[in-house]
């Protein structure tokens, strides 16, 4: 008699089958702290976007929306972007009249644009079944290649 009441309890989320993905991000050989590493599937419908944040040693571990937290992403081919925004308090705040707001902070991208923009990034990754260690060695002098250059 009480059995139907109990069947609605519990966690019914189902996770995608994911593969562990972790690695280290460096810029000119130095670990990058606080960067967001994003894996974008190369083929629509194959793979799942995933994101990881680097720690003080430049280490990241991916999580995807449909996968269990910290457990990576689905196997497949990915394009990768890496972005590191730093926000600082301004010495002299100012009023932005267009937005009618007092601006007290500014944010700045610290990595070269070539790594932060999906249409320009040279970074790719293959996620295979099992544990994947995928490191990214970034170059501070890297630039976006324009046709005709």
Foldseek 3Di string as FASTA:
>chain_A
DCVVVPVVDDDPQDADDFAKEKEFEAEVNQTDAFKKKWWDAPDPPPKFIWIWGAHNRRMTIIDGPRHDPSHHIHFHKTFMAIWHKDKDFDPDWDADPVVRDIDGMDIDTDAEVQRHDRVRDPGMDGGDHYHHYDYHYHYRPDHGDDPPD
